[in-house]
Amino acid sequence: MVLGHASAVITLRIYAHLWPGGKDRTRPVTDATLGGRRTGCGRGA
């Protein structure tokens, strides 16, 4: 098997957190749309 795991299920259980989620895919688009106009609230404020 790939990566030495017994099944694909085991591989996904171990590495699923590395797969980009919806927030990871939309963050660059949102940032580009807002053009850096942050209000100081939310993550990284």
PDB file of N, CA and C in Angstrom:
ATOM      1  N   MET A   1       0.826  -1.187   0.000  1.00  0.00           N
ATOM      2  CA  MET A   1       0.000   0.000   0.000  1.00  0.00           C
ATOM      3  C   MET A   1       0.873   1.254   0.000  1.00  0.00           C
ATOM      4  N   VAL A   2       0.302   2.339  -0.418  1.00  0.00           N
ATOM      5  CA  VAL A   2       0.991   3.620  -0.433  1.00  0.00           C
ATOM      6  C   VAL A   2       1.313   4.049   0.994  1.00  0.00           C
ATOM      7  N   LEU A   3       2.502   4.571   1.197  1.00  0.00           N
ATOM      8  CA  LEU A   3       2.980   5.043   2.497  1.00  0.00           C
ATOM      9  C   LEU A   3       3.075   3.922   3.531  1.00  0.00           C
ATOM     10  N   GLY A   4       2.908   2.691   3.131  1.00  0.00           N
ATOM     11  CA  GLY A   4       3.055   1.569   4.040  1.00  0.00           C
ATOM     12  C   GLY A   4       1.856   1.291   4.928  1.00  0.00           C
ATOM     13  N   HIS A   5       0.748   1.981   4.716  1.00  0.00           N
ATOM     14  CA  HIS A   5      -0.434   1.740   5.533  1.00  0.00           C
ATOM     15  C   HIS A   5      -1.231   0.578   4.960  1.00  0.00           C
ATOM     16  N   ALA A   6      -1.959  -0.082   5.842  1.00  0.00           N
ATOM     17  CA  ALA A   6      -2.722  -1.259   5.442  1.00  0.00           C
ATOM     18  C   ALA A   6      -3.882  -0.922   4.517  1.00  0.00           C
ATOM     19  N   SER A   7      -4.411   0.298   4.623  1.00  0.00           N
ATOM     20  CA  SER A   7      -5.527   0.684   3.760  1.00  0.00           C
ATOM     21  C   SER A   7      -5.548   2.197   3.564  1.00  0.00           C
ATOM     22  N   ALA A   8      -6.322   2.618   2.578  1.00  0.00           N
ATOM     23  CA  ALA A   8      -6.475   4.050   2.320  1.00  0.00           C
ATOM     24  C   ALA A   8      -7.187   4.740   3.480  1.00  0.00           C
ATOM     25  N   VAL A   9      -8.059   4.035   4.171  1.00  0.00           N
ATOM     26  CA  VAL A   9      -8.778   4.605   5.312  1.00  0.00           C
ATOM     27  C   VAL A   9      -7.791   5.022   6.400  1.00  0.00           C
ATOM     28  N   ILE A  10      -6.820   4.183   6.681  1.00  0.00           N
ATOM     29  CA  ILE A  10      -5.825   4.508   7.694  1.00  0.00           C
ATOM     30  C   ILE A  10      -5.020   5.728   7.263  1.00  0.00           C
ATOM     31  N   THR A  11      -4.629   5.783   6.001  1.00  0.00           N
ATOM     32  CA  THR A  11      -3.881   6.921   5.487  1.00  0.00           C
ATOM     33  C   THR A  11      -4.691   8.205   5.653  1.00  0.00           C
ATOM     34  N   LEU A  12      -5.979   8.185   5.300  1.00  0.00           N
ATOM     35  CA  LEU A  12      -6.821   9.367   5.442  1.00  0.00           C
ATOM     36  C   LEU A  12      -7.000   9.779   6.896  1.00  0.00           C
ATOM     37  N   ARG A  13      -7.131   8.817   7.785  1.00  0.00           N
ATOM     38  CA  ARG A  13      -7.277   9.147   9.209  1.00  0.00           C
ATOM     39  C   ARG A  13      -6.047   9.865   9.736  1.00  0.00           C
ATOM     40  N   ILE A  14      -4.889   9.489   9.247  1.00  0.00           N
ATOM     41  CA  ILE A  14      -3.642  10.086   9.726  1.00  0.00           C
ATOM     42  C   ILE A  14      -3.393  11.450   9.093  1.00  0.00           C
ATOM     43  N   TYR A  15      -3.662  11.584   7.795  1.00  0.00           N
ATOM     44  CA  TYR A  15      -3.255  12.782   7.062  1.00  0.00           C
ATOM     45  C   TYR A  15      -4.396  13.703   6.627  1.00  0.00           C
ATOM     46  N   ALA A  16      -5.638  13.414   6.978  1.00  0.00           N
ATOM     47  CA  ALA A  16      -6.769  14.218   6.519  1.00  0.00           C
ATOM     48  C   ALA A  16      -6.666  15.673   6.954  1.00  0.00           C
ATOM     49  N   HIS A  17      -6.065  15.934   8.114  1.00  0.00           N
ATOM     50  CA  HIS A  17      -5.957  17.315   8.585  1.00  0.00           C
ATOM     51  C   HIS A  17      -5.072  18.167   7.681  1.00  0.00           C
ATOM     52  N   LEU A  18      -4.262  17.543   6.844  1.00  0.00           N
ATOM     53  CA  LEU A  18      -3.394  18.273   5.925  1.00  0.00           C
ATOM     54  C   LEU A  18      -4.111  18.667   4.630  1.00  0.00           C
ATOM     55  N   TRP A  19      -5.271  18.048   4.372  1.00  0.00           N
ATOM     56  CA  TRP A  19      -6.030  18.318   3.152  1.00  0.00           C
ATOM     57  C   TRP A  19      -6.680  19.695   3.282  1.00  0.00           C
ATOM     58  N   PRO A  20      -6.577  20.531   2.262  1.00  0.00           N
ATOM     59  CA  PRO A  20      -7.168  21.865   2.385  1.00  0.00           C
ATOM     60  C   PRO A  20      -8.686  21.818   2.486  1.00  0.00           C
ATOM     61  N   GLY A  21      -9.213  22.569   3.422  1.00  0.00           N
ATOM     62  CA  GLY A  21     -10.663  22.642   3.592  1.00  0.00           C
ATOM     63  C   GLY A  21     -11.234  23.852   2.879  1.00  0.00           C
ATOM     64  N   GLY A  22     -12.514  24.063   3.059  1.00  0.00           N
ATOM     65  CA  GLY A  22     -13.186  25.180   2.414  1.00  0.00           C
ATOM     66  C   GLY A  22     -12.581  26.522   2.774  1.00  0.00           C
ATOM     67  N   LYS A  23     -12.226  26.689   4.050  1.00  0.00           N
ATOM     68  CA  LYS A  23     -11.634  27.959   4.482  1.00  0.00           C
ATOM     69  C   LYS A  23     -10.288  28.189   3.805  1.00  0.00           C
ATOM     70  N   ASP A  24      -9.519  27.132   3.661  1.00  0.00           N
ATOM     71  CA  ASP A  24      -8.211  27.260   3.020  1.00  0.00           C
ATOM     72  C   ASP A  24      -8.341  27.644   1.549  1.00  0.00           C
ATOM     73  N   ARG A  25      -9.387  27.170   0.897  1.00  0.00           N
ATOM     74  CA  ARG A  25      -9.572  27.471  -0.521  1.00  0.00           C
ATOM     75  C   ARG A  25     -10.154  28.863  -0.747  1.00  0.00           C
ATOM     76  N   THR A  26     -10.989  29.330   0.178  1.00  0.00           N
ATOM     77  CA  THR A  26     -11.640  30.617  -0.023  1.00  0.00           C
ATOM     78  C   THR A  26     -10.866  31.795   0.556  1.00  0.00           C
ATOM     79  N   ARG A  27      -9.964  31.551   1.480  1.00  0.00           N
ATOM     80  CA  ARG A  27      -9.222  32.643   2.115  1.00  0.00           C
ATOM     81  C   ARG A  27      -8.463  33.506   1.107  1.00  0.00           C
ATOM     82  N   PRO A  28      -7.708  32.935   0.156  1.00  0.00           N
ATOM     83  CA  PRO A  28      -6.999  33.788  -0.811  1.00  0.00           C
ATOM     84  C   PRO A  28      -7.943  34.636  -1.666  1.00  0.00           C
ATOM     85  N   VAL A  29      -9.095  34.087  -2.031  1.00  0.00           N
ATOM     86  CA  VAL A  29     -10.060  34.839  -2.839  1.00  0.00           C
ATOM     87  C   VAL A  29     -10.629  35.997  -2.024  1.00  0.00           C
ATOM     88  N   THR A  30     -10.968  35.720  -0.779  1.00  0.00           N
ATOM     89  CA  THR A  30     -11.503  36.766   0.087  1.00  0.00           C
ATOM     90  C   THR A  30     -10.477  37.862   0.314  1.00  0.00           C
ATOM     91  N   ASP A  31      -9.244  37.478   0.596  1.00  0.00           N
ATOM     92  CA  ASP A  31      -8.189  38.456   0.807  1.00  0.00           C
ATOM     93  C   ASP A  31      -7.972  39.321  -0.433  1.00  0.00           C
ATOM     94  N   ALA A  32      -7.986  38.708  -1.597  1.00  0.00           N
ATOM     95  CA  ALA A  32      -7.802  39.464  -2.835  1.00  0.00           C
ATOM     96  C   ALA A  32      -8.977  40.411  -3.072  1.00  0.00           C
ATOM     97  N   THR A  33     -10.186  39.967  -2.738  1.00  0.00           N
ATOM     98  CA  THR A  33     -11.373  40.791  -2.942  1.00  0.00           C
ATOM     99  C   THR A  33     -11.378  41.990  -2.001  1.00  0.00           C
ATOM    100  N   LEU A  34     -11.016  41.760  -0.752  1.00  0.00           N
ATOM    101  CA  LEU A  34     -11.009  42.845   0.231  1.00  0.00           C
ATOM    102  C   LEU A  34      -9.806  43.762   0.053  1.00  0.00           C
ATOM    103  N   GLY A  35      -8.809  43.298  -0.636  1.00  0.00           N
ATOM    104  CA  GLY A  35      -7.626  44.129  -0.896  1.00  0.00           C
ATOM    105  C   GLY A  35      -6.908  44.554   0.368  1.00  0.00           C
ATOM    106  N   GLY A  36      -6.909  43.698   1.384  1.00  0.00           N
ATOM    107  CA  GLY A  36      -6.198  44.022   2.611  1.00  0.00           C
ATOM    108  C   GLY A  36      -6.954  44.936   3.545  1.00  0.00           C
ATOM    109  N   ARG A  37      -8.231  45.180   3.281  1.00  0.00           N
ATOM    110  CA  ARG A  37      -9.036  46.047   4.158  1.00  0.00           C
ATOM    111  C   ARG A  37      -9.528  45.265   5.352  1.00  0.00           C
ATOM    112  N   ARG A  38      -8.744  45.244   6.367  1.00  0.00           N
ATOM    113  CA  ARG A  38      -9.080  44.532   7.590  1.00  0.00           C
ATOM    114  C   ARG A  38      -9.590  45.515   8.634  1.00  0.00           C
ATOM    115  N   THR A  39     -10.527  45.079   9.443  1.00  0.00           N
ATOM    116  CA  THR A  39     -11.095  45.960  10.457  1.00  0.00           C
ATOM    117  C   THR A  39     -10.483  45.735  11.832  1.00  0.00           C
ATOM    118  N   GLY A  40      -9.569  44.771  11.934  1.00  0.00           N
ATOM    119  CA  GLY A  40      -8.958  44.492  13.234  1.00  0.00           C
ATOM    120  C   GLY A  40      -9.729  43.483  14.050  1.00  0.00           C
ATOM    121  N   CYS A  41     -10.683  42.813  13.458  1.00  0.00           N
ATOM    122  CA  CYS A  41     -11.428  41.803  14.196  1.00  0.00           C
ATOM    123  C   CYS A  41     -11.168  40.439  13.570  1.00  0.00           C
ATOM    124  N   GLY A  42     -11.363  39.420  14.354  1.00  0.00           N
ATOM    125  CA  GLY A  42     -11.167  38.066  13.837  1.00  0.00           C
ATOM    126  C   GLY A  42      -9.752  37.574  14.042  1.00  0.00           C
ATOM    127  N   ARG A  43      -9.390  36.538  13.294  1.00  0.00           N
ATOM    128  CA  ARG A  43      -8.095  35.888  13.429  1.00  0.00           C
ATOM    129  C   ARG A  43      -6.963  36.860  13.103  1.00  0.00           C
ATOM    130  N   GLY A  44      -5.954  36.845  13.932  1.00  0.00           N
ATOM    131  CA  GLY A  44      -4.768  37.660  13.683  1.00  0.00           C
ATOM    132  C   GLY A  44      -4.926  39.128  14.031  1.00  0.00           C
ATOM    133  N   ALA A  45      -6.016  39.481  14.710  1.00  0.00           N
ATOM    134  CA  ALA A  45      -6.239  40.888  15.056  1.00  0.00           C
ATOM    135  C   ALA A  45      -5.345  41.320  16.198  1.00  0.00           C
TER     136      ALA A  45
END
